[in-house]
C-alpha atoms as a PDB file:
ATOM      1  CA  MET A   1     -52.969  50.216 -54.475  1.00  0.00           C
ATOM      2  CA  ALA A   2     -50.739  52.622 -56.375  1.00  0.00           C
ATOM      3  CA  LEU A   3     -47.842  50.157 -56.589  1.00  0.00           C
ATOM      4  CA  ALA A   4     -50.158  47.493 -58.023  1.00  0.00           C
ATOM      5  CA  CYS A   5     -51.206  49.763 -60.916  1.00  0.00           C
ATOM      6  CA  ASP A   6     -49.730  49.681 -64.424  1.00  0.00           C
ATOM      7  CA  LYS A   7     -49.541  53.479 -64.417  1.00  0.00           C
ATOM      8  CA  VAL A   8     -49.198  55.899 -61.518  1.00  0.00           C
ATOM      9  CA  TYR A   9     -50.134  59.545 -62.084  1.00  0.00           C
ATOM     10  CA  MET A  10     -49.618  62.238 -59.479  1.00  0.00           C
ATOM     11  CA  ALA A  11     -50.814  65.820 -59.200  1.00  0.00           C
ATOM     12  CA  GLU A  12     -48.729  68.735 -58.011  1.00  0.00           C
ATOM     13  CA  ASN A  13     -48.288  69.121 -54.246  1.00  0.00           C
ATOM     14  CA  THR A  14     -49.066  65.456 -53.588  1.00  0.00           C
ATOM     15  CA  VAL A  15     -46.850  62.892 -51.874  1.00  0.00           C
ATOM     16  CA  ILE A  16     -46.529  59.129 -51.682  1.00  0.00           C
ATOM     17  CA  GLY A  17     -44.918  56.969 -48.995  1.00  0.00           C
ATOM     18  CA  ALA A  18     -44.679  56.672 -45.208  1.00  0.00           C
ATOM     19  CA  ALA A  19     -46.875  53.559 -45.162  1.00  0.00           C
ATOM     20  CA  ALA A  20     -45.511  51.638 -42.176  1.00  0.00           C
ATOM     21  CA  LEU A  21     -47.841  49.312 -40.307  1.00  0.00           C
ATOM     22  CA  VAL A  22     -48.875  50.553 -36.870  1.00  0.00           C
ATOM     23  CA  THR A  23     -51.236  49.485 -34.104  1.00  0.00           C
ATOM     24  CA  LEU A  24     -53.747  51.811 -32.486  1.00  0.00           C
ATOM     25  CA  SER A  25     -53.969  52.328 -28.754  1.00  0.00           C
ATOM     26  CA  GLY A  26     -55.571  54.774 -26.366  1.00  0.00           C
ATOM     27  CA  SER A  27     -52.474  56.946 -26.545  1.00  0.00           C
ATOM     28  CA  GLY A  28     -52.329  56.892 -30.357  1.00  0.00           C
ATOM     29  CA  PRO A  29     -50.501  54.845 -33.028  1.00  0.00           C
ATOM     30  CA  LYS A  30     -47.648  52.594 -31.908  1.00  0.00           C
ATOM     31  CA  ASP A  31     -44.856  50.843 -33.752  1.00  0.00           C
ATOM     32  CA  LEU A  32     -45.431  47.090 -34.230  1.00  0.00           C
ATOM     33  CA  LYS A  33     -42.252  46.235 -32.361  1.00  0.00           C
ATOM     34  CA  GLU A  34     -43.393  48.306 -29.399  1.00  0.00           C
ATOM     35  CA  THR A  35     -46.723  46.486 -29.317  1.00  0.00           C
ATOM     36  CA  TYR A  36     -45.742  42.916 -30.154  1.00  0.00           C
ATOM     37  CA  GLY A  37     -42.057  42.813 -29.291  1.00  0.00           C
ATOM     38  CA  ALA A  38     -38.978  42.974 -31.516  1.00  0.00           C
ATOM     39  CA  ASP A  39     -39.202  39.471 -33.021  1.00  0.00           C
ATOM     40  CA  LEU A  40     -42.898  39.322 -33.913  1.00  0.00           C
ATOM     41  CA  GLY A  41     -42.969  42.992 -34.912  1.00  0.00           C
ATOM     42  CA  GLU A  42     -40.066  42.426 -37.313  1.00  0.00           C
ATOM     43  CA  LYS A  43     -41.730  39.360 -38.829  1.00  0.00           C
ATOM     44  CA  VAL A  44     -44.899  41.309 -39.637  1.00  0.00           C
ATOM     45  CA  SER A  45     -42.929  44.329 -40.883  1.00  0.00           C
ATOM     46  CA  SER A  46     -40.743  42.091 -43.035  1.00  0.00           C
ATOM     47  CA  ALA A  47     -43.781  40.476 -44.654  1.00  0.00           C
ATOM     48  CA  TRP A  48     -45.330  43.893 -45.404  1.00  0.00           C
ATOM     49  CA  ARG A  49     -42.017  45.249 -46.700  1.00  0.00           C
ATOM     50  CA  GLY A  50     -41.517  42.234 -48.957  1.00  0.00           C
ATOM     51  CA  TYR A  51     -45.082  42.384 -50.246  1.00  0.00           C
ATOM     52  CA  LEU A  52     -44.829  46.025 -51.310  1.00  0.00           C
ATOM     53  CA  ALA A  53     -41.379  45.475 -52.829  1.00  0.00           C
ATOM     54  CA  ALA A  54     -42.743  42.569 -54.875  1.00  0.00           C
ATOM     55  CA  LEU A  55     -45.692  44.685 -56.051  1.00  0.00           C
ATOM     56  CA  ALA A  56     -43.338  47.452 -57.137  1.00  0.00           C
ATOM     57  CA  GLU A  57     -40.902  45.151 -58.942  1.00  0.00           C
ATOM     58  CA  HIS A  58     -43.744  43.361 -60.744  1.00  0.00           C
ATOM     59  CA  LYS A  59     -44.574  46.735 -62.330  1.00  0.00           C
ATOM     60  CA  HIS A  60     -40.876  47.466 -62.994  1.00  0.00           C
ATOM     61  CA  ARG A  61     -40.542  49.935 -60.134  1.00  0.00           C
ATOM     62  CA  PRO A  62     -37.670  49.988 -57.601  1.00  0.00           C
ATOM     63  CA  GLY A  63     -38.573  47.539 -54.850  1.00  0.00           C
ATOM     64  CA  LEU A  64     -36.038  48.937 -52.399  1.00  0.00           C
ATOM     65  CA  ILE A  65     -37.670  52.372 -52.656  1.00  0.00           C
ATOM     66  CA  ALA A  66     -41.013  50.786 -51.801  1.00  0.00           C
ATOM     67  CA  GLY A  67     -39.371  49.043 -48.841  1.00  0.00           C
ATOM     68  CA  ALA A  68     -37.997  52.339 -47.532  1.00  0.00           C
ATOM     69  CA  MET A  69     -41.539  53.714 -47.480  1.00  0.00           C
ATOM     70  CA  VAL A  70     -42.579  51.141 -44.860  1.00  0.00           C
ATOM     71  CA  ASP A  71     -39.391  50.486 -42.891  1.00  0.00           C
ATOM     72  CA  ARG A  72     -37.304  53.261 -41.332  1.00  0.00           C
ATOM     73  CA  ASP A  73     -34.256  50.961 -41.213  1.00  0.00           C
ATOM     74  CA  VAL A  74     -34.056  50.646 -45.011  1.00  0.00           C
ATOM     75  CA  GLU A  75     -31.434  52.853 -46.672  1.00  0.00           C
ATOM     76  CA  VAL A  76     -31.456  53.478 -50.408  1.00  0.00           C
ATOM     77  CA  ILE A  77     -28.968  55.106 -52.728  1.00  0.00           C
ATOM     78  CA  GLU A  78     -29.067  55.427 -56.496  1.00  0.00           C
ATOM     79  CA  VAL A  79     -25.897  54.535 -58.382  1.00  0.00           C
ATOM     80  CA  SER A  80     -24.861  54.524 -62.014  1.00  0.00           C
ATOM     81  CA  GLU A  81     -23.104  51.544 -63.572  1.00  0.00           C
ATOM     82  CA  ALA A  82     -22.493  51.074 -67.291  1.00  0.00           C
ATOM     83  CA  ASP A  83     -25.187  53.621 -68.094  1.00  0.00           C
ATOM     84  CA  LYS A  84     -27.664  51.759 -65.878  1.00  0.00           C
ATOM     85  CA  ARG A  85     -29.348  53.257 -62.834  1.00  0.00           C
ATOM     86  CA  LEU A  86     -29.582  51.005 -59.810  1.00  0.00           C
ATOM     87  CA  PHE A  87     -31.207  51.427 -56.411  1.00  0.00           C
ATOM     88  CA  ILE A  88     -29.179  49.640 -53.748  1.00  0.00           C
ATOM     89  CA  ASP A  89     -28.335  49.530 -50.047  1.00  0.00           C
ATOM     90  CA  PRO A  90     -25.252  51.726 -49.377  1.00  0.00           C
ATOM     91  CA  VAL A  91     -23.361  48.727 -47.926  1.00  0.00           C
ATOM     92  CA  ASN A  92     -23.582  47.024 -51.342  1.00  0.00           C
ATOM     93  CA  LYS A  93     -22.030  49.900 -53.290  1.00  0.00           C
ATOM     94  CA  ARG A  94     -18.935  48.909 -55.277  1.00  0.00           C
ATOM     95  CA  PRO A  95     -16.041  51.301 -56.036  1.00  0.00           C
ATOM     96  CA  GLU A  96     -16.798  51.371 -59.773  1.00  0.00           C
ATOM     97  CA  GLN A  97     -20.385  52.488 -59.143  1.00  0.00           C
ATOM     98  CA  GLN A  98     -20.966  56.235 -59.190  1.00  0.00           C
ATOM     99  CA  LEU A  99     -23.231  57.666 -56.504  1.00  0.00           C
ATOM    100  CA  VAL A 100     -26.105  59.582 -58.091  1.00  0.00           C
ATOM    101  CA  HIS A 101     -28.472  60.299 -55.222  1.00  0.00           C
ATOM    102  CA  THR A 102     -29.254  59.288 -51.645  1.00  0.00           C
ATOM    103  CA  TRP A 103     -32.959  58.510 -51.481  1.00  0.00           C
ATOM    104  CA  SER A 104     -33.424  57.255 -47.947  1.00  0.00           C
ATOM    105  CA  LYS A 105     -31.374  57.316 -44.756  1.00  0.00           C
ATOM    106  CA  LYS A 106     -31.823  55.077 -41.730  1.00  0.00           C
ATOM    107  CA  GLY A 107     -34.164  56.423 -39.081  1.00  0.00           C
ATOM    108  CA  SER A 108     -37.009  57.850 -41.156  1.00  0.00           C
ATOM    109  CA  LEU A 109     -39.723  56.562 -43.467  1.00  0.00           C
ATOM    110  CA  LEU A 110     -39.371  57.604 -47.081  1.00  0.00           C
ATOM    111  CA  THR A 111     -41.943  60.062 -48.421  1.00  0.00           C
ATOM    112  CA  LEU A 112     -41.661  61.296 -52.011  1.00  0.00           C
ATOM    113  CA  THR A 113     -43.073  64.384 -53.630  1.00  0.00           C
ATOM    114  CA  ALA A 114     -44.703  63.915 -57.025  1.00  0.00           C
ATOM    115  CA  GLU A 115     -41.553  65.131 -58.764  1.00  0.00           C
ATOM    116  CA  GLU A 116     -39.311  62.807 -56.724  1.00  0.00           C
ATOM    117  CA  ALA A 117     -41.608  59.831 -57.303  1.00  0.00           C
ATOM    118  CA  ILE A 118     -41.408  60.368 -61.057  1.00  0.00           C
ATOM    119  CA  LYS A 119     -37.649  60.860 -60.923  1.00  0.00           C
ATOM    120  CA  CYS A 120     -37.040  57.518 -59.174  1.00  0.00           C
ATOM    121  CA  GLY A 121     -39.646  55.587 -61.175  1.00  0.00           C
ATOM    122  CA  ILE A 122     -42.312  55.055 -58.519  1.00  0.00           C
ATOM    123  CA  ALA A 123     -44.707  57.277 -60.482  1.00  0.00           C
ATOM    124  CA  ASP A 124     -44.980  57.786 -64.235  1.00  0.00           C
ATOM    125  CA  LYS A 125     -46.210  61.293 -64.884  1.00  0.00           C
ATOM    126  CA  LEU A 126     -47.271  64.591 -63.342  1.00  0.00           C
ATOM    127  CA  VAL A 127     -50.767  65.594 -64.456  1.00  0.00           C
ATOM    128  CA  GLN A 128     -53.099  68.521 -63.870  1.00  0.00           C
ATOM    129  CA  SER A 129     -56.480  66.854 -64.341  1.00  0.00           C
ATOM    130  CA  GLN A 130     -58.395  63.624 -64.808  1.00  0.00           C
ATOM    131  CA  ALA A 131     -58.900  64.553 -68.460  1.00  0.00           C
ATOM    132  CA  GLU A 132     -55.119  64.656 -68.919  1.00  0.00           C
ATOM    133  CA  VAL A 133     -54.838  61.146 -67.474  1.00  0.00           C
ATOM    134  CA  LEU A 134     -57.443  59.857 -69.931  1.00  0.00           C
ATOM    135  CA  ARG A 135     -55.665  61.534 -72.857  1.00  0.00           C
ATOM    136  CA  ASP A 136     -52.363  59.977 -71.836  1.00  0.00           C
ATOM    137  CA  LEU A 137     -54.049  56.559 -71.719  1.00  0.00           C
ATOM    138  CA  ASN A 138     -55.711  57.208 -75.090  1.00  0.00           C
ATOM    139  CA  ALA A 139     -59.051  56.714 -73.356  1.00  0.00           C
ATOM    140  CA  GLN A 140     -60.792  60.044 -73.862  1.00  0.00           C
ATOM    141  CA  GLY A 141     -64.084  58.297 -74.633  1.00  0.00           C
ATOM    142  CA  ALA A 142     -64.011  56.044 -71.592  1.00  0.00           C
ATOM    143  CA  GLN A 143     -67.117  55.924 -69.445  1.00  0.00           C
ATOM    144  CA  LEU A 144     -66.184  56.788 -65.868  1.00  0.00           C
ATOM    145  CA  VAL A 145     -67.936  54.742 -63.203  1.00  0.00           C
ATOM    146  CA  ILE A 146     -67.641  56.285 -59.772  1.00  0.00           C
ATOM    147  CA  ASN A 147     -67.421  53.750 -56.942  1.00  0.00           C
ATOM    148  CA  ASP A 148     -68.790  55.477 -53.865  1.00  0.00           C
ATOM    149  CA  ALA A 149     -68.928  52.285 -51.779  1.00  0.00           C
ATOM    150  CA  PHE A 150     -66.117  53.449 -49.472  1.00  0.00           C
ATOM    151  CA  GLN A 151     -67.748  56.821 -48.940  1.00  0.00           C
ATOM    152  CA  LYS A 152     -71.114  55.224 -48.176  1.00  0.00           C
ATOM    153  CA  ALA A 153     -69.481  52.738 -45.812  1.00  0.00           C
ATOM    154  CA  GLY A 154     -67.743  55.582 -44.007  1.00  0.00           C
ATOM    155  CA  GLU A 155     -70.983  57.534 -43.655  1.00  0.00           C
ATOM    156  CA  GLN A 156     -72.793  54.446 -42.395  1.00  0.00           C
ATOM    157  CA  PHE A 157     -70.065  53.775 -39.837  1.00  0.00           C
ATOM    158  CA  LYS A 158     -70.364  57.361 -38.565  1.00  0.00           C
ATOM    159  CA  ARG A 159     -74.097  56.833 -38.045  1.00  0.00           C
ATOM    160  CA  VAL A 160     -73.453  53.531 -36.291  1.00  0.00           C
ATOM    161  CA  LYS A 161     -70.849  55.123 -34.040  1.00  0.00           C
ATOM    162  CA  LEU A 162     -73.296  57.876 -33.082  1.00  0.00           C
ATOM    163  CA  ARG A 163     -75.905  55.243 -32.231  1.00  0.00           C
ATOM    164  CA  CYS A 164     -73.341  53.368 -30.173  1.00  0.00           C
ATOM    165  CA  ASN A 165     -72.479  56.544 -28.265  1.00  0.00           C
ATOM    166  CA  ARG A 166     -76.165  57.284 -27.631  1.00  0.00           C
ATOM    167  CA  LEU A 167     -76.753  53.750 -26.329  1.00  0.00           C
ATOM    168  CA  THR A 168     -73.707  53.969 -24.066  1.00  0.00           C
ATOM    169  CA  LYS A 169     -74.829  57.300 -22.616  1.00  0.00           C
ATOM    170  CA  SER A 170     -78.352  55.952 -22.188  1.00  0.00           C
ATOM    171  CA  LEU A 171     -76.998  52.956 -20.256  1.00  0.00           C
ATOM    172  CA  GLU A 172     -74.871  55.164 -18.025  1.00  0.00           C
ATOM    173  CA  SER A 173     -77.906  57.309 -17.233  1.00  0.00           C
ATOM    174  CA  GLU A 174     -80.178  54.299 -16.581  1.00  0.00           C
ATOM    175  CA  ILE A 175     -77.624  52.655 -14.289  1.00  0.00           C
ATOM    176  CA  ARG A 176     -77.298  55.880 -12.281  1.00  0.00           C
ATOM    177  CA  GLN A 177     -81.082  56.189 -12.034  1.00  0.00           C
ATOM    178  CA  ILE A 178     -81.663  52.610 -10.910  1.00  0.00           C
ATOM    179  CA  LYS A 179     -79.569  53.185  -7.786  1.00  0.00           C
ATOM    180  CA  ARG A 180     -82.070  55.753  -6.608  1.00  0.00           C
ATOM    181  CA  ALA A 181     -85.262  54.406  -8.161  1.00  0.00           C
ATOM    182  CA  PRO A 182     -88.197  55.479  -5.936  1.00  0.00           C
ATOM    183  CA  THR A 183     -90.226  52.269  -6.498  1.00  0.00           C
ATOM    184  CA  ARG A 184     -89.679  48.665  -7.512  1.00  0.00           C
ATOM    185  CA  ASN A 185     -91.805  49.169 -10.642  1.00  0.00           C
ATOM    186  CA  HIS A 186     -89.648  52.118 -11.648  1.00  0.00           C
ATOM    187  CA  ALA A 187     -86.520  49.981 -11.160  1.00  0.00           C
ATOM    188  CA  MET A 188     -88.012  47.196 -13.287  1.00  0.00           C
ATOM    189  CA  ARG A 189     -88.776  49.628 -16.122  1.00  0.00           C
ATOM    190  CA  LEU A 190     -85.178  50.819 -16.009  1.00  0.00           C
ATOM    191  CA  LEU A 191     -83.927  47.218 -16.023  1.00  0.00           C
ATOM    192  CA  ARG A 192     -86.051  46.474 -19.103  1.00  0.00           C
ATOM    193  CA  ASP A 193     -84.508  49.478 -20.867  1.00  0.00           C
ATOM    194  CA  ILE A 194     -81.024  48.414 -19.773  1.00  0.00           C
ATOM    195  CA  ARG A 195     -81.554  44.910 -21.189  1.00  0.00           C
ATOM    196  CA  LYS A 196     -82.793  46.370 -24.469  1.00  0.00           C
ATOM    197  CA  ASP A 197     -79.796  48.724 -24.774  1.00  0.00           C
ATOM    198  CA  TYR A 198     -77.282  45.948 -24.030  1.00  0.00           C
ATOM    199  CA  LYS A 199     -78.882  43.726 -26.676  1.00  0.00           C
ATOM    200  CA  SER A 200     -78.682  46.565 -29.205  1.00  0.00           C
ATOM    201  CA  LEU A 201     -75.016  47.152 -28.365  1.00  0.00           C
ATOM    202  CA  MET A 202     -74.256  43.456 -28.812  1.00  0.00           C
ATOM    203  CA  VAL A 203     -75.836  43.491 -32.277  1.00  0.00           C
ATOM    204  CA  LEU A 204     -73.665  46.475 -33.228  1.00  0.00           C
ATOM    205  CA  ALA A 205     -70.558  44.875 -31.707  1.00  0.00           C
ATOM    206  CA  ARG A 206     -70.974  41.709 -33.793  1.00  0.00           C
ATOM    207  CA  ARG A 207     -71.849  43.555 -37.000  1.00  0.00           C
ATOM    208  CA  TYR A 208     -69.190  46.279 -36.735  1.00  0.00           C
ATOM    209  CA  PRO A 209     -65.910  44.984 -35.217  1.00  0.00           C
ATOM    210  CA  ASP A 210     -64.272  48.394 -35.784  1.00  0.00           C
ATOM    211  CA  LEU A 211     -66.345  49.751 -32.899  1.00  0.00           C
ATOM    212  CA  ASN A 212     -63.967  47.782 -30.644  1.00  0.00           C
ATOM    213  CA  LEU A 213     -66.775  46.676 -28.341  1.00  0.00           C
ATOM    214  CA  ASP A 214     -66.094  43.580 -26.234  1.00  0.00           C
ATOM    215  CA  VAL A 215     -69.008  41.218 -26.893  1.00  0.00           C
ATOM    216  CA  ARG A 216     -68.032  38.972 -23.983  1.00  0.00           C
ATOM    217  CA  VAL A 217     -68.167  41.867 -21.514  1.00  0.00           C
ATOM    218  CA  LEU A 218     -71.495  43.036 -22.947  1.00  0.00           C
ATOM    219  CA  GLU A 219     -72.909  39.510 -22.555  1.00  0.00           C
ATOM    220  CA  GLU A 220     -71.828  39.419 -18.916  1.00  0.00           C
ATOM    221  CA  GLN A 221     -73.420  42.808 -18.264  1.00  0.00           C
ATOM    222  CA  LEU A 222     -76.615  41.747 -20.048  1.00  0.00           C
ATOM    223  CA  ASN A 223     -76.775  38.536 -18.002  1.00  0.00           C
ATOM    224  CA  THR A 224     -76.405  40.561 -14.805  1.00  0.00           C
ATOM    225  CA  ALA A 225     -79.237  42.870 -15.891  1.00  0.00           C
ATOM    226  CA  GLU A 226     -81.396  39.819 -16.763  1.00  0.00           C
ATOM    227  CA  GLU A 227     -80.760  38.269 -13.342  1.00  0.00           C
ATOM    228  CA  LEU A 228     -81.596  41.516 -11.534  1.00  0.00           C
ATOM    229  CA  TYR A 229     -84.769  41.878 -13.553  1.00  0.00           C
ATOM    230  CA  GLU A 230     -85.903  38.305 -12.805  1.00  0.00           C
ATOM    231  CA  GLU A 231     -85.142  38.801  -9.109  1.00  0.00           C
ATOM    232  CA  ALA A 232     -87.113  42.039  -9.025  1.00  0.00           C
ATOM    233  CA  LYS A 233     -90.004  40.382 -10.869  1.00  0.00           C
ATOM    234  CA  SER A 234     -90.043  37.443  -8.434  1.00  0.00           C
ATOM    235  CA  GLU A 235     -89.968  39.732  -5.416  1.00  0.00           C
ATOM    236  CA  SER A 236     -92.779  41.774  -6.915  1.00  0.00           C
ATOM    237  CA  LYS A 237     -94.944  38.648  -7.285  1.00  0.00           C
ATOM    238  CA  PHE A 238     -94.124  37.583  -3.732  1.00  0.00           C
ATOM    239  CA  LEU A 239     -95.159  40.964  -2.348  1.00  0.00           C
ATOM    240  CA  ARG A 240     -98.530  40.630  -4.047  1.00  0.00           C
END
């Protein structure tokens, strides 16, 4: 988002960078190459690296610096040539070019402080307040419209996740209880509750993919509960 902007302002003690793509697993974030293999992982990383570099260069910012923020194999040095500053890979340095600064070395993602970001051209200015940003843009009279959609979405997802956890715990409890249900009627009541909870979980799973619930597995479990309920209902009729 920052690289796509015409102007980038940063406050003191802030940083920008280290934006490599990762996958999430039970043990934490993993490198794409570790998850998908070297070839596919590199293809995805290359596309992301190229996209951010293009965004940066479109706004007259050093694309190689942007690439170093997402790929630990990208090295960047700054050189001076005919009073021009250039950001290049060290292997491309020519003898007549004077080394000014080494920005990124192989093996680590580039992260820049506010001062460093301004120095290399990724950011434009260090500011102390929102009012200072508006003054710099000659927009002191601008009406600020706060978009709280992300915040509201995050709060809603927290509520949904809590509901999901409650349903899961309820199912675990009901399944434990049904194994020692004292009567058939008691077991049927539990089966009705189990069916209801599975249906609720399936609705959440389809509406909120970030819950990482497997709809297919939930359907299978619901079908099993439905079959058990119908069997219990048939047996109950037969006993009468």
